[in-house]
Amino acid sequence: MATQREKDAAEYLKKHKIPELMENLTSMLFFYRPENPREFLVEQLEQLKVSQQSGMKGPSLFTNANLDTVFGILDPTNQKYINFAQYKQALTTLGIKDINECPEGVKEDRISHDTFKTEA
């Protein structure tokens, strides 16, 4: 049985999304393989801080080009939309945990390219 201190620690980690942060930073290290990992991590954390304060997009493994490619794979006939199941599966595959269950176009089961990129 967990002690109160362990429960408090687990709650703190969950509240501040520390496991997700560490997973993201570790993935970025493996992806970019910087010469100076500590400096790289400091830069990523500084970018994250600036993005939170300004409301701008933070550091990410995925670029707009990556998201365009994923959408293109899901929309091979270039209809300019995917269905909700495809949208949800793609975001899950990309590692996104907090998926918007009611994105624009969900009622029509037509999630546009722009909506997909915004939500991703």
PDB file of N, CA and C in Angstrom:
ATOM      1  N   MET A   1       0.835  -1.179   0.000  1.00  0.00           N
ATOM      2  CA  MET A   1       0.000   0.000   0.000  1.00  0.00           C
ATOM      3  C   MET A   1       0.886   1.251   0.000  1.00  0.00           C
ATOM      4  N   ALA A   2       0.524   2.230  -0.806  1.00  0.00           N
ATOM      5  CA  ALA A   2       1.317   3.447  -0.956  1.00  0.00           C
ATOM      6  C   ALA A   2       1.144   4.366   0.253  1.00  0.00           C
ATOM      7  N   THR A   3       2.224   4.987   0.619  1.00  0.00           N
ATOM      8  CA  THR A   3       2.179   5.948   1.722  1.00  0.00           C
ATOM      9  C   THR A   3       1.582   7.260   1.217  1.00  0.00           C
ATOM     10  N   GLN A   4       1.241   8.129   2.127  1.00  0.00           N
ATOM     11  CA  GLN A   4       0.693   9.436   1.746  1.00  0.00           C
ATOM     12  C   GLN A   4       1.709  10.235   0.930  1.00  0.00           C
ATOM     13  N   ARG A   5       2.961  10.110   1.306  1.00  0.00           N
ATOM     14  CA  ARG A   5       4.025  10.824   0.569  1.00  0.00           C
ATOM     15  C   ARG A   5       4.105  10.329  -0.877  1.00  0.00           C
ATOM     16  N   GLU A   6       3.977   9.021  -1.069  1.00  0.00           N
ATOM     17  CA  GLU A   6       4.004   8.458  -2.426  1.00  0.00           C
ATOM     18  C   GLU A   6       2.778   8.908  -3.212  1.00  0.00           C
ATOM     19  N   LYS A   7       1.626   8.942  -2.561  1.00  0.00           N
ATOM     20  CA  LYS A   7       0.400   9.412  -3.228  1.00  0.00           C
ATOM     21  C   LYS A   7       0.533  10.876  -3.616  1.00  0.00           C
ATOM     22  N   ASP A   8       1.084  11.686  -2.718  1.00  0.00           N
ATOM     23  CA  ASP A   8       1.288  13.110  -3.008  1.00  0.00           C
ATOM     24  C   ASP A   8       2.243  13.292  -4.184  1.00  0.00           C
ATOM     25  N   ALA A   9       3.303  12.502  -4.193  1.00  0.00           N
ATOM     26  CA  ALA A   9       4.281  12.590  -5.279  1.00  0.00           C
ATOM     27  C   ALA A   9       3.632  12.208  -6.615  1.00  0.00           C
ATOM     28  N   ALA A  10       2.859  11.131  -6.612  1.00  0.00           N
ATOM     29  CA  ALA A  10       2.188  10.692  -7.840  1.00  0.00           C
ATOM     30  C   ALA A  10       1.202  11.756  -8.322  1.00  0.00           C
ATOM     31  N   GLU A  11       0.481  12.368  -7.403  1.00  0.00           N
ATOM     32  CA  GLU A  11      -0.476  13.421  -7.757  1.00  0.00           C
ATOM     33  C   GLU A  11       0.250  14.634  -8.350  1.00  0.00           C
ATOM     34  N   TYR A  12       1.366  14.982  -7.746  1.00  0.00           N
ATOM     35  CA  TYR A  12       2.173  16.105  -8.239  1.00  0.00           C
ATOM     36  C   TYR A  12       2.649  15.840  -9.668  1.00  0.00           C
ATOM     37  N   LEU A  13       3.187  14.655  -9.905  1.00  0.00           N
ATOM     38  CA  LEU A  13       3.678  14.296 -11.241  1.00  0.00           C
ATOM     39  C   LEU A  13       2.552  14.363 -12.263  1.00  0.00           C
ATOM     40  N   LYS A  14       1.399  13.838 -11.900  1.00  0.00           N
ATOM     41  CA  LYS A  14       0.251  13.831 -12.814  1.00  0.00           C
ATOM     42  C   LYS A  14      -0.241  15.253 -13.073  1.00  0.00           C
ATOM     43  N   LYS A  15      -0.366  16.049 -12.004  1.00  0.00           N
ATOM     44  CA  LYS A  15      -0.862  17.420 -12.120  1.00  0.00           C
ATOM     45  C   LYS A  15       0.005  18.254 -13.071  1.00  0.00           C
ATOM     46  N   HIS A  16       1.303  18.087 -12.973  1.00  0.00           N
ATOM     47  CA  HIS A  16       2.221  18.884 -13.776  1.00  0.00           C
ATOM     48  C   HIS A  16       2.682  18.184 -15.056  1.00  0.00           C
ATOM     49  N   LYS A  17       2.101  17.034 -15.340  1.00  0.00           N
ATOM     50  CA  LYS A  17       2.385  16.268 -16.566  1.00  0.00           C
ATOM     51  C   LYS A  17       3.881  15.998 -16.748  1.00  0.00           C
ATOM     52  N   ILE A  18       4.527  15.660 -15.656  1.00  0.00           N
ATOM     53  CA  ILE A  18       5.970  15.407 -15.685  1.00  0.00           C
ATOM     54  C   ILE A  18       6.321  14.177 -16.527  1.00  0.00           C
ATOM     55  N   PRO A  19       5.584  13.052 -16.406  1.00  0.00           N
ATOM     56  CA  PRO A  19       5.943  11.900 -17.258  1.00  0.00           C
ATOM     57  C   PRO A  19       5.868  12.231 -18.751  1.00  0.00           C
ATOM     58  N   GLU A  20       4.836  12.991 -19.155  1.00  0.00           N
ATOM     59  CA  GLU A  20       4.699  13.366 -20.555  1.00  0.00           C
ATOM     60  C   GLU A  20       5.843  14.275 -20.991  1.00  0.00           C
ATOM     61  N   LEU A  21       6.221  15.206 -20.110  1.00  0.00           N
ATOM     62  CA  LEU A  21       7.335  16.105 -20.405  1.00  0.00           C
ATOM     63  C   LEU A  21       8.625  15.318 -20.600  1.00  0.00           C
ATOM     64  N   MET A  22       8.897  14.398 -19.688  1.00  0.00           N
ATOM     65  CA  MET A  22      10.125  13.610 -19.781  1.00  0.00           C
ATOM     66  C   MET A  22      10.121  12.730 -21.032  1.00  0.00           C
ATOM     67  N   GLU A  23       8.979  12.156 -21.354  1.00  0.00           N
ATOM     68  CA  GLU A  23       8.879  11.321 -22.556  1.00  0.00           C
ATOM     69  C   GLU A  23       9.139  12.155 -23.809  1.00  0.00           C
ATOM     70  N   ASN A  24       8.569  13.359 -23.850  1.00  0.00           N
ATOM     71  CA  ASN A  24       8.756  14.233 -24.994  1.00  0.00           C
ATOM     72  C   ASN A  24      10.213  14.659 -25.131  1.00  0.00           C
ATOM     73  N   LEU A  25      10.826  15.067 -24.013  1.00  0.00           N
ATOM     74  CA  LEU A  25      12.223  15.487 -24.061  1.00  0.00           C
ATOM     75  C   LEU A  25      13.150  14.337 -24.463  1.00  0.00           C
ATOM     76  N   THR A  26      12.890  13.153 -23.947  1.00  0.00           N
ATOM     77  CA  THR A  26      13.694  11.981 -24.304  1.00  0.00           C
ATOM     78  C   THR A  26      13.542  11.658 -25.784  1.00  0.00           C
ATOM     79  N   SER A  27      12.327  11.720 -26.281  1.00  0.00           N
ATOM     80  CA  SER A  27      12.091  11.465 -27.711  1.00  0.00           C
ATOM     81  C   SER A  27      12.826  12.472 -28.578  1.00  0.00           C
ATOM     82  N   MET A  28      12.803  13.734 -28.146  1.00  0.00           N
ATOM     83  CA  MET A  28      13.497  14.765 -28.911  1.00  0.00           C
ATOM     84  C   MET A  28      15.011  14.521 -28.917  1.00  0.00           C
ATOM     85  N   LEU A  29      15.548  14.045 -27.799  1.00  0.00           N
ATOM     86  CA  LEU A  29      16.982  13.718 -27.756  1.00  0.00           C
ATOM     87  C   LEU A  29      17.317  12.617 -28.751  1.00  0.00           C
ATOM     88  N   PHE A  30      16.507  11.570 -28.773  1.00  0.00           N
ATOM     89  CA  PHE A  30      16.764  10.461 -29.694  1.00  0.00           C
ATOM     90  C   PHE A  30      16.586  10.885 -31.145  1.00  0.00           C
ATOM     91  N   PHE A  31      15.617  11.753 -31.387  1.00  0.00           N
ATOM     92  CA  PHE A  31      15.333  12.179 -32.753  1.00  0.00           C
ATOM     93  C   PHE A  31      16.422  13.111 -33.292  1.00  0.00           C
ATOM     94  N   TYR A  32      16.773  14.149 -32.514  1.00  0.00           N
ATOM     95  CA  TYR A  32      17.725  15.153 -32.980  1.00  0.00           C
ATOM     96  C   TYR A  32      19.187  14.802 -32.695  1.00  0.00           C
ATOM     97  N   ARG A  33      19.448  14.005 -31.688  1.00  0.00           N
ATOM     98  CA  ARG A  33      20.800  13.589 -31.301  1.00  0.00           C
ATOM     99  C   ARG A  33      21.786  14.767 -31.269  1.00  0.00           C
ATOM    100  N   PRO A  34      21.497  15.743 -30.416  1.00  0.00           N
ATOM    101  CA  PRO A  34      22.368  16.926 -30.370  1.00  0.00           C
ATOM    102  C   PRO A  34      23.752  16.600 -29.816  1.00  0.00           C
ATOM    103  N   GLU A  35      24.734  17.405 -30.227  1.00  0.00           N
ATOM    104  CA  GLU A  35      26.107  17.239 -29.731  1.00  0.00           C
ATOM    105  C   GLU A  35      26.185  17.483 -28.229  1.00  0.00           C
ATOM    106  N   ASN A  36      25.417  18.454 -27.750  1.00  0.00           N
ATOM    107  CA  ASN A  36      25.412  18.794 -26.332  1.00  0.00           C
ATOM    108  C   ASN A  36      23.993  18.596 -25.785  1.00  0.00           C
ATOM    109  N   PRO A  37      23.684  17.396 -25.298  1.00  0.00           N
ATOM    110  CA  PRO A  37      22.317  17.092 -24.848  1.00  0.00           C
ATOM    111  C   PRO A  37      21.801  18.017 -23.742  1.00  0.00           C
ATOM    112  N   ARG A  38      22.653  18.371 -22.798  1.00  0.00           N
ATOM    113  CA  ARG A  38      22.192  19.241 -21.706  1.00  0.00           C
ATOM    114  C   ARG A  38      21.795  20.614 -22.230  1.00  0.00           C
ATOM    115  N   GLU A  39      22.624  21.167 -23.088  1.00  0.00           N
ATOM    116  CA  GLU A  39      22.314  22.474 -23.676  1.00  0.00           C
ATOM    117  C   GLU A  39      21.022  22.393 -24.486  1.00  0.00           C
ATOM    118  N   PHE A  40      20.875  21.325 -25.242  1.00  0.00           N
ATOM    119  CA  PHE A  40      19.674  21.111 -26.042  1.00  0.00           C
ATOM    120  C   PHE A  40      18.429  21.067 -25.152  1.00  0.00           C
ATOM    121  N   LEU A  41      18.507  20.315 -24.048  1.00  0.00           N
ATOM    122  CA  LEU A  41      17.363  20.209 -23.145  1.00  0.00           C
ATOM    123  C   LEU A  41      17.027  21.546 -22.505  1.00  0.00           C
ATOM    124  N   VAL A  42      18.038  22.291 -22.130  1.00  0.00           N
ATOM    125  CA  VAL A  42      17.804  23.621 -21.556  1.00  0.00           C
ATOM    126  C   VAL A  42      17.087  24.499 -22.589  1.00  0.00           C
ATOM    127  N   GLU A  43      17.538  24.458 -23.836  1.00  0.00           N
ATOM    128  CA  GLU A  43      16.905  25.244 -24.899  1.00  0.00           C
ATOM    129  C   GLU A  43      15.444  24.838 -25.087  1.00  0.00           C
ATOM    130  N   GLN A  44      15.175  23.538 -25.069  1.00  0.00           N
ATOM    131  CA  GLN A  44      13.804  23.062 -25.244  1.00  0.00           C
ATOM    132  C   GLN A  44      12.912  23.525 -24.090  1.00  0.00           C
ATOM    133  N   LEU A  45      13.436  23.454 -22.879  1.00  0.00           N
ATOM    134  CA  LEU A  45      12.667  23.900 -21.719  1.00  0.00           C
ATOM    135  C   LEU A  45      12.432  25.407 -21.759  1.00  0.00           C
ATOM    136  N   GLU A  46      13.427  26.162 -22.216  1.00  0.00           N
ATOM    137  CA  GLU A  46      13.252  27.611 -22.359  1.00  0.00           C
ATOM    138  C   GLU A  46      12.196  27.921 -23.410  1.00  0.00           C
ATOM    139  N   GLN A  47      12.219  27.196 -24.521  1.00  0.00           N
ATOM    140  CA  GLN A  47      11.204  27.385 -25.561  1.00  0.00           C
ATOM    141  C   GLN A  47       9.817  27.042 -25.027  1.00  0.00           C
ATOM    142  N   LEU A  48       9.733  25.985 -24.247  1.00  0.00           N
ATOM    143  CA  LEU A  48       8.457  25.587 -23.658  1.00  0.00           C
ATOM    144  C   LEU A  48       7.932  26.676 -22.730  1.00  0.00           C
ATOM    145  N   LYS A  49       8.817  27.245 -21.920  1.00  0.00           N
ATOM    146  CA  LYS A  49       8.429  28.311 -20.999  1.00  0.00           C
ATOM    147  C   LYS A  49       7.908  29.526 -21.772  1.00  0.00           C
ATOM    148  N   VAL A  50       8.630  29.926 -22.815  1.00  0.00           N
ATOM    149  CA  VAL A  50       8.213  31.063 -23.634  1.00  0.00           C
ATOM    150  C   VAL A  50       6.867  30.777 -24.284  1.00  0.00           C
ATOM    151  N   SER A  51       6.689  29.570 -24.784  1.00  0.00           N
ATOM    152  CA  SER A  51       5.430  29.234 -25.456  1.00  0.00           C
ATOM    153  C   SER A  51       4.262  29.265 -24.481  1.00  0.00           C
ATOM    154  N   GLN A  52       4.479  28.817 -23.260  1.00  0.00           N
ATOM    155  CA  GLN A  52       3.402  28.847 -22.262  1.00  0.00           C
ATOM    156  C   GLN A  52       3.062  30.283 -21.880  1.00  0.00           C
ATOM    157  N   GLN A  53       4.053  31.131 -21.764  1.00  0.00           N
ATOM    158  CA  GLN A  53       3.820  32.517 -21.368  1.00  0.00           C
ATOM    159  C   GLN A  53       3.180  33.338 -22.489  1.00  0.00           C
ATOM    160  N   SER A  54       3.510  33.018 -23.719  1.00  0.00           N
ATOM    161  CA  SER A  54       3.030  33.814 -24.841  1.00  0.00           C
ATOM    162  C   SER A  54       1.848  33.188 -25.574  1.00  0.00           C
ATOM    163  N   GLY A  55       1.555  31.930 -25.279  1.00  0.00           N
ATOM    164  CA  GLY A  55       0.482  31.236 -25.990  1.00  0.00           C
ATOM    165  C   GLY A  55       0.906  30.725 -27.354  1.00  0.00           C
ATOM    166  N   MET A  56       2.194  30.798 -27.633  1.00  0.00           N
ATOM    167  CA  MET A  56       2.712  30.308 -28.913  1.00  0.00           C
ATOM    168  C   MET A  56       2.912  28.799 -28.853  1.00  0.00           C
ATOM    169  N   LYS A  57       3.127  28.222 -30.018  1.00  0.00           N
ATOM    170  CA  LYS A  57       3.382  26.792 -30.120  1.00  0.00           C
ATOM    171  C   LYS A  57       4.737  26.456 -29.506  1.00  0.00           C
ATOM    172  N   GLY A  58       4.777  25.390 -28.720  1.00  0.00           N
ATOM    173  CA  GLY A  58       6.006  24.966 -28.070  1.00  0.00           C
ATOM    174  C   GLY A  58       6.816  24.011 -28.927  1.00  0.00           C
ATOM    175  N   PRO A  59       7.963  23.574 -28.420  1.00  0.00           N
ATOM    176  CA  PRO A  59       8.807  22.640 -29.167  1.00  0.00           C
ATOM    177  C   PRO A  59       8.090  21.310 -29.391  1.00  0.00           C
ATOM    178  N   SER A  60       8.337  20.724 -30.532  1.00  0.00           N
ATOM    179  CA  SER A  60       7.662  19.481 -30.889  1.00  0.00           C
ATOM    180  C   SER A  60       8.526  18.671 -31.842  1.00  0.00           C
ATOM    181  N   LEU A  61       8.278  17.375 -31.836  1.00  0.00           N
ATOM    182  CA  LEU A  61       8.962  16.503 -32.785  1.00  0.00           C
ATOM    183  C   LEU A  61       8.377  16.634 -34.184  1.00  0.00           C
ATOM    184  N   PHE A  62       7.116  17.033 -34.247  1.00  0.00           N
ATOM    185  CA  PHE A  62       6.412  17.044 -35.524  1.00  0.00           C
ATOM    186  C   PHE A  62       6.319  18.441 -36.105  1.00  0.00           C
ATOM    187  N   THR A  63       6.672  18.541 -37.361  1.00  0.00           N
ATOM    188  CA  THR A  63       6.546  19.804 -38.080  1.00  0.00           C
ATOM    189  C   THR A  63       5.239  19.789 -38.857  1.00  0.00           C
ATOM    190  N   ASN A  64       4.892  20.930 -39.417  1.00  0.00           N
ATOM    191  CA  ASN A  64       3.707  20.979 -40.271  1.00  0.00           C
ATOM    192  C   ASN A  64       3.846  20.023 -41.447  1.00  0.00           C
ATOM    193  N   ALA A  65       5.042  19.892 -41.972  1.00  0.00           N
ATOM    194  CA  ALA A  65       5.269  18.976 -43.098  1.00  0.00           C
ATOM    195  C   ALA A  65       4.996  17.531 -42.672  1.00  0.00           C
ATOM    196  N   ASN A  66       5.399  17.171 -41.441  1.00  0.00           N
ATOM    197  CA  ASN A  66       5.121  15.823 -40.943  1.00  0.00           C
ATOM    198  C   ASN A  66       3.615  15.581 -40.847  1.00  0.00           C
ATOM    199  N   LEU A  67       2.906  16.574 -40.331  1.00  0.00           N
ATOM    200  CA  LEU A  67       1.456  16.436 -40.188  1.00  0.00           C
ATOM    201  C   LEU A  67       0.780  16.385 -41.550  1.00  0.00           C
ATOM    202  N   ASP A  68       1.278  17.148 -42.516  1.00  0.00           N
ATOM    203  CA  ASP A  68       0.751  17.087 -43.886  1.00  0.00           C
ATOM    204  C   ASP A  68       0.912  15.682 -44.452  1.00  0.00           C
ATOM    205  N   THR A  69       2.054  15.077 -44.198  1.00  0.00           N
ATOM    206  CA  THR A  69       2.324  13.731 -44.688  1.00  0.00           C
ATOM    207  C   THR A  69       1.375  12.719 -44.066  1.00  0.00           C
ATOM    208  N   VAL A  70       1.194  12.812 -42.747  1.00  0.00           N
ATOM    209  CA  VAL A  70       0.271  11.893 -42.068  1.00  0.00           C
ATOM    210  C   VAL A  70      -1.127  12.050 -42.640  1.00  0.00           C
ATOM    211  N   PHE A  71      -1.576  13.290 -42.791  1.00  0.00           N
ATOM    212  CA  PHE A  71      -2.914  13.521 -43.341  1.00  0.00           C
ATOM    213  C   PHE A  71      -3.008  12.953 -44.754  1.00  0.00           C
ATOM    214  N   GLY A  72      -1.973  13.159 -45.563  1.00  0.00           N
ATOM    215  CA  GLY A  72      -1.973  12.646 -46.933  1.00  0.00           C
ATOM    216  C   GLY A  72      -2.076  11.137 -46.992  1.00  0.00           C
ATOM    217  N   ILE A  73      -1.454  10.461 -46.038  1.00  0.00           N
ATOM    218  CA  ILE A  73      -1.557   9.000 -45.978  1.00  0.00           C
ATOM    219  C   ILE A  73      -2.995   8.585 -45.671  1.00  0.00           C
ATOM    220  N   LEU A  74      -3.652   9.351 -44.797  1.00  0.00           N
ATOM    221  CA  LEU A  74      -5.030   9.038 -44.421  1.00  0.00           C
ATOM    222  C   LEU A  74      -6.037   9.462 -45.484  1.00  0.00           C
ATOM    223  N   ASP A  75      -5.628  10.350 -46.364  1.00  0.00           N
ATOM    224  CA  ASP A  75      -6.510  10.865 -47.423  1.00  0.00           C
ATOM    225  C   ASP A  75      -5.862  10.649 -48.790  1.00  0.00           C
ATOM    226  N   PRO A  76      -5.679   9.385 -49.192  1.00  0.00           N
ATOM    227  CA  PRO A  76      -4.957   9.105 -50.437  1.00  0.00           C
ATOM    228  C   PRO A  76      -5.678   9.587 -51.702  1.00  0.00           C
ATOM    229  N   THR A  77      -6.997   9.761 -51.624  1.00  0.00           N
ATOM    230  CA  THR A  77      -7.744  10.229 -52.796  1.00  0.00           C
ATOM    231  C   THR A  77      -7.916  11.739 -52.801  1.00  0.00           C
ATOM    232  N   ASN A  78      -7.244  12.422 -51.844  1.00  0.00           N
ATOM    233  CA  ASN A  78      -7.222  13.884 -51.782  1.00  0.00           C
ATOM    234  C   ASN A  78      -8.622  14.503 -51.685  1.00  0.00           C
ATOM    235  N   GLN A  79      -9.435  13.932 -50.791  1.00  0.00           N
ATOM    236  CA  GLN A  79     -10.778  14.472 -50.570  1.00  0.00           C
ATOM    237  C   GLN A  79     -10.760  15.729 -49.698  1.00  0.00           C
ATOM    238  N   LYS A  80      -9.620  15.977 -49.045  1.00  0.00           N
ATOM    239  CA  LYS A  80      -9.410  17.125 -48.154  1.00  0.00           C
ATOM    240  C   LYS A  80     -10.065  16.945 -46.786  1.00  0.00           C
ATOM    241  N   TYR A  81     -10.459  15.715 -46.472  1.00  0.00           N
ATOM    242  CA  TYR A  81     -10.987  15.424 -45.136  1.00  0.00           C
ATOM    243  C   TYR A  81     -10.747  13.946 -44.819  1.00  0.00           C
ATOM    244  N   ILE A  82     -10.783  13.646 -43.515  1.00  0.00           N
ATOM    245  CA  ILE A  82     -10.728  12.265 -43.041  1.00  0.00           C
ATOM    246  C   ILE A  82     -11.895  12.073 -42.086  1.00  0.00           C
ATOM    247  N   ASN A  83     -12.201  10.827 -41.758  1.00  0.00           N
ATOM    248  CA  ASN A  83     -13.294  10.617 -40.816  1.00  0.00           C
ATOM    249  C   ASN A  83     -12.778  10.696 -39.378  1.00  0.00           C
ATOM    250  N   PHE A  84     -13.714  10.724 -38.441  1.00  0.00           N
ATOM    251  CA  PHE A  84     -13.348  10.899 -37.037  1.00  0.00           C
ATOM    252  C   PHE A  84     -12.484   9.747 -36.529  1.00  0.00           C
ATOM    253  N   ALA A  85     -12.786   8.525 -36.949  1.00  0.00           N
ATOM    254  CA  ALA A  85     -11.997   7.366 -36.505  1.00  0.00           C
ATOM    255  C   ALA A  85     -10.547   7.500 -36.964  1.00  0.00           C
ATOM    256  N   GLN A  86     -10.338   7.937 -38.198  1.00  0.00           N
ATOM    257  CA  GLN A  86      -8.980   8.140 -38.704  1.00  0.00           C
ATOM    258  C   GLN A  86      -8.271   9.241 -37.917  1.00  0.00           C
ATOM    259  N   TYR A  87      -8.983  10.327 -37.677  1.00  0.00           N
ATOM    260  CA  TYR A  87      -8.447  11.458 -36.900  1.00  0.00           C
ATOM    261  C   TYR A  87      -7.993  10.992 -35.527  1.00  0.00           C
ATOM    262  N   LYS A  88      -8.862  10.275 -34.846  1.00  0.00           N
ATOM    263  CA  LYS A  88      -8.567   9.834 -33.481  1.00  0.00           C
ATOM    264  C   LYS A  88      -7.386   8.855 -33.470  1.00  0.00           C
ATOM    265  N   GLN A  89      -7.377   7.919 -34.397  1.00  0.00           N
ATOM    266  CA  GLN A  89      -6.287   6.941 -34.456  1.00  0.00           C
ATOM    267  C   GLN A  89      -4.962   7.614 -34.786  1.00  0.00           C
ATOM    268  N   ALA A  90      -4.980   8.576 -35.697  1.00  0.00           N
ATOM    269  CA  ALA A  90      -3.742   9.274 -36.067  1.00  0.00           C
ATOM    270  C   ALA A  90      -3.178  10.038 -34.880  1.00  0.00           C
ATOM    271  N   LEU A  91      -4.015  10.756 -34.152  1.00  0.00           N
ATOM    272  CA  LEU A  91      -3.538  11.511 -32.995  1.00  0.00           C
ATOM    273  C   LEU A  91      -3.024  10.571 -31.913  1.00  0.00           C
ATOM    274  N   THR A  92      -3.685   9.461 -31.717  1.00  0.00           N
ATOM    275  CA  THR A  92      -3.229   8.474 -30.740  1.00  0.00           C
ATOM    276  C   THR A  92      -1.864   7.929 -31.150  1.00  0.00           C
ATOM    277  N   THR A  93      -1.710   7.619 -32.425  1.00  0.00           N
ATOM    278  CA  THR A  93      -0.445   7.105 -32.943  1.00  0.00           C
ATOM    279  C   THR A  93       0.675   8.134 -32.795  1.00  0.00           C
ATOM    280  N   LEU A  94       0.336   9.413 -32.929  1.00  0.00           N
ATOM    281  CA  LEU A  94       1.321  10.477 -32.764  1.00  0.00           C
ATOM    282  C   LEU A  94       1.681  10.712 -31.296  1.00  0.00           C
ATOM    283  N   GLY A  95       0.979  10.023 -30.411  1.00  0.00           N
ATOM    284  CA  GLY A  95       1.290  10.134 -28.986  1.00  0.00           C
ATOM    285  C   GLY A  95       0.506  11.202 -28.258  1.00  0.00           C
ATOM    286  N   ILE A  96      -0.513  11.732 -28.904  1.00  0.00           N
ATOM    287  CA  ILE A  96      -1.333  12.766 -28.275  1.00  0.00           C
ATOM    288  C   ILE A  96      -2.346  12.090 -27.371  1.00  0.00           C
ATOM    289  N   LYS A  97      -2.341  12.485 -26.106  1.00  0.00           N
ATOM    290  CA  LYS A  97      -3.191  11.829 -25.122  1.00  0.00           C
ATOM    291  C   LYS A  97      -4.515  12.559 -24.890  1.00  0.00           C
ATOM    292  N   ASP A  98      -4.501  13.879 -24.935  1.00  0.00           N
ATOM    293  CA  ASP A  98      -5.713  14.671 -24.713  1.00  0.00           C
ATOM    294  C   ASP A  98      -6.321  15.034 -26.057  1.00  0.00           C
ATOM    295  N   ILE A  99      -7.105  14.118 -26.603  1.00  0.00           N
ATOM    296  CA  ILE A  99      -7.689  14.301 -27.927  1.00  0.00           C
ATOM    297  C   ILE A  99      -9.040  14.995 -27.804  1.00  0.00           C
ATOM    298  N   ASN A 100      -9.235  16.022 -28.604  1.00  0.00           N
ATOM    299  CA  ASN A 100     -10.512  16.714 -28.656  1.00  0.00           C
ATOM    300  C   ASN A 100     -11.535  15.766 -29.282  1.00  0.00           C
ATOM    301  N   GLU A 101     -12.530  15.390 -28.511  1.00  0.00           N
ATOM    302  CA  GLU A 101     -13.545  14.443 -28.983  1.00  0.00           C
ATOM    303  C   GLU A 101     -14.614  15.118 -29.844  1.00  0.00           C
ATOM    304  N   CYS A 102     -14.597  16.437 -29.889  1.00  0.00           N
ATOM    305  CA  CYS A 102     -15.592  17.173 -30.678  1.00  0.00           C
ATOM    306  C   CYS A 102     -14.921  18.223 -31.565  1.00  0.00           C
ATOM    307  N   PRO A 103     -13.996  17.796 -32.424  1.00  0.00           N
ATOM    308  CA  PRO A 103     -13.346  18.784 -33.297  1.00  0.00           C
ATOM    309  C   PRO A 103     -14.325  19.288 -34.347  1.00  0.00           C
ATOM    310  N   GLU A 104     -13.966  20.397 -34.966  1.00  0.00           N
ATOM    311  CA  GLU A 104     -14.789  20.922 -36.043  1.00  0.00           C
ATOM    312  C   GLU A 104     -14.942  19.843 -37.121  1.00  0.00           C
ATOM    313  N   GLY A 105     -16.178  19.596 -37.533  1.00  0.00           N
ATOM    314  CA  GLY A 105     -16.455  18.602 -38.572  1.00  0.00           C
ATOM    315  C   GLY A 105     -16.848  17.234 -38.048  1.00  0.00           C
ATOM    316  N   VAL A 106     -16.853  17.049 -36.733  1.00  0.00           N
ATOM    317  CA  VAL A 106     -17.156  15.729 -36.183  1.00  0.00           C
ATOM    318  C   VAL A 106     -18.596  15.301 -36.486  1.00  0.00           C
ATOM    319  N   LYS A 107     -19.533  16.243 -36.479  1.00  0.00           N
ATOM    320  CA  LYS A 107     -20.945  15.900 -36.736  1.00  0.00           C
ATOM    321  C   LYS A 107     -21.139  15.350 -38.145  1.00  0.00           C
ATOM    322  N   GLU A 108     -20.361  15.869 -39.081  1.00  0.00           N
ATOM    323  CA  GLU A 108     -20.441  15.403 -40.474  1.00  0.00           C
ATOM    324  C   GLU A 108     -19.503  14.227 -40.734  1.00  0.00           C
ATOM    325  N   ASP A 109     -18.695  13.868 -39.721  1.00  0.00           N
ATOM    326  CA  ASP A 109     -17.659  12.835 -39.842  1.00  0.00           C
ATOM    327  C   ASP A 109     -16.676  13.195 -40.948  1.00  0.00           C
ATOM    328  N   ARG A 110     -16.331  14.497 -40.990  1.00  0.00           N
ATOM    329  CA  ARG A 110     -15.397  15.036 -41.972  1.00  0.00           C
ATOM    330  C   ARG A 110     -14.457  15.998 -41.268  1.00  0.00           C
ATOM    331  N   ILE A 111     -13.303  15.511 -40.908  1.00  0.00           N
ATOM    332  CA  ILE A 111     -12.299  16.331 -40.237  1.00  0.00           C
ATOM    333  C   ILE A 111     -11.365  16.886 -41.311  1.00  0.00           C
ATOM    334  N   SER A 112     -11.328  18.197 -41.434  1.00  0.00           N
ATOM    335  CA  SER A 112     -10.521  18.822 -42.477  1.00  0.00           C
ATOM    336  C   SER A 112      -9.037  18.766 -42.145  1.00  0.00           C
ATOM    337  N   HIS A 113      -8.264  19.017 -43.159  1.00  0.00           N
ATOM    338  CA  HIS A 113      -6.801  19.064 -43.026  1.00  0.00           C
ATOM    339  C   HIS A 113      -6.407  20.117 -41.984  1.00  0.00           C
ATOM    340  N   ASP A 114      -6.995  21.307 -42.088  1.00  0.00           N
ATOM    341  CA  ASP A 114      -6.675  22.386 -41.143  1.00  0.00           C
ATOM    342  C   ASP A 114      -7.044  22.004 -39.701  1.00  0.00           C
ATOM    343  N   THR A 115      -8.211  21.410 -39.529  1.00  0.00           N
ATOM    344  CA  THR A 115      -8.642  21.002 -38.190  1.00  0.00           C
ATOM    345  C   THR A 115      -7.696  19.938 -37.641  1.00  0.00           C
ATOM    346  N   PHE A 116      -7.318  18.991 -38.477  1.00  0.00           N
ATOM    347  CA  PHE A 116      -6.392  17.943 -38.054  1.00  0.00           C
ATOM    348  C   PHE A 116      -5.078  18.555 -37.559  1.00  0.00           C
ATOM    349  N   LYS A 117      -4.525  19.478 -38.338  1.00  0.00           N
ATOM    350  CA  LYS A 117      -3.254  20.095 -37.960  1.00  0.00           C
ATOM    351  C   LYS A 117      -3.388  20.931 -36.690  1.00  0.00           C
ATOM    352  N   THR A 118      -4.482  21.652 -36.564  1.00  0.00           N
ATOM    353  CA  THR A 118      -4.713  22.454 -35.359  1.00  0.00           C
ATOM    354  C   THR A 118      -4.799  21.568 -34.135  1.00  0.00           C
ATOM    355  N   GLU A 119      -5.531  20.486 -34.221  1.00  0.00           N
ATOM    356  CA  GLU A 119      -5.710  19.592 -33.084  1.00  0.00           C
ATOM    357  C   GLU A 119      -4.418  18.836 -32.766  1.00  0.00           C
ATOM    358  N   ALA A 120      -3.652  18.489 -33.800  1.00  0.00           N
ATOM    359  CA  ALA A 120      -2.376  17.780 -33.561  1.00  0.00           C
ATOM    360  C   ALA A 120      -1.387  18.724 -32.926  1.00  0.00           C
TER     361      ALA A 120
END
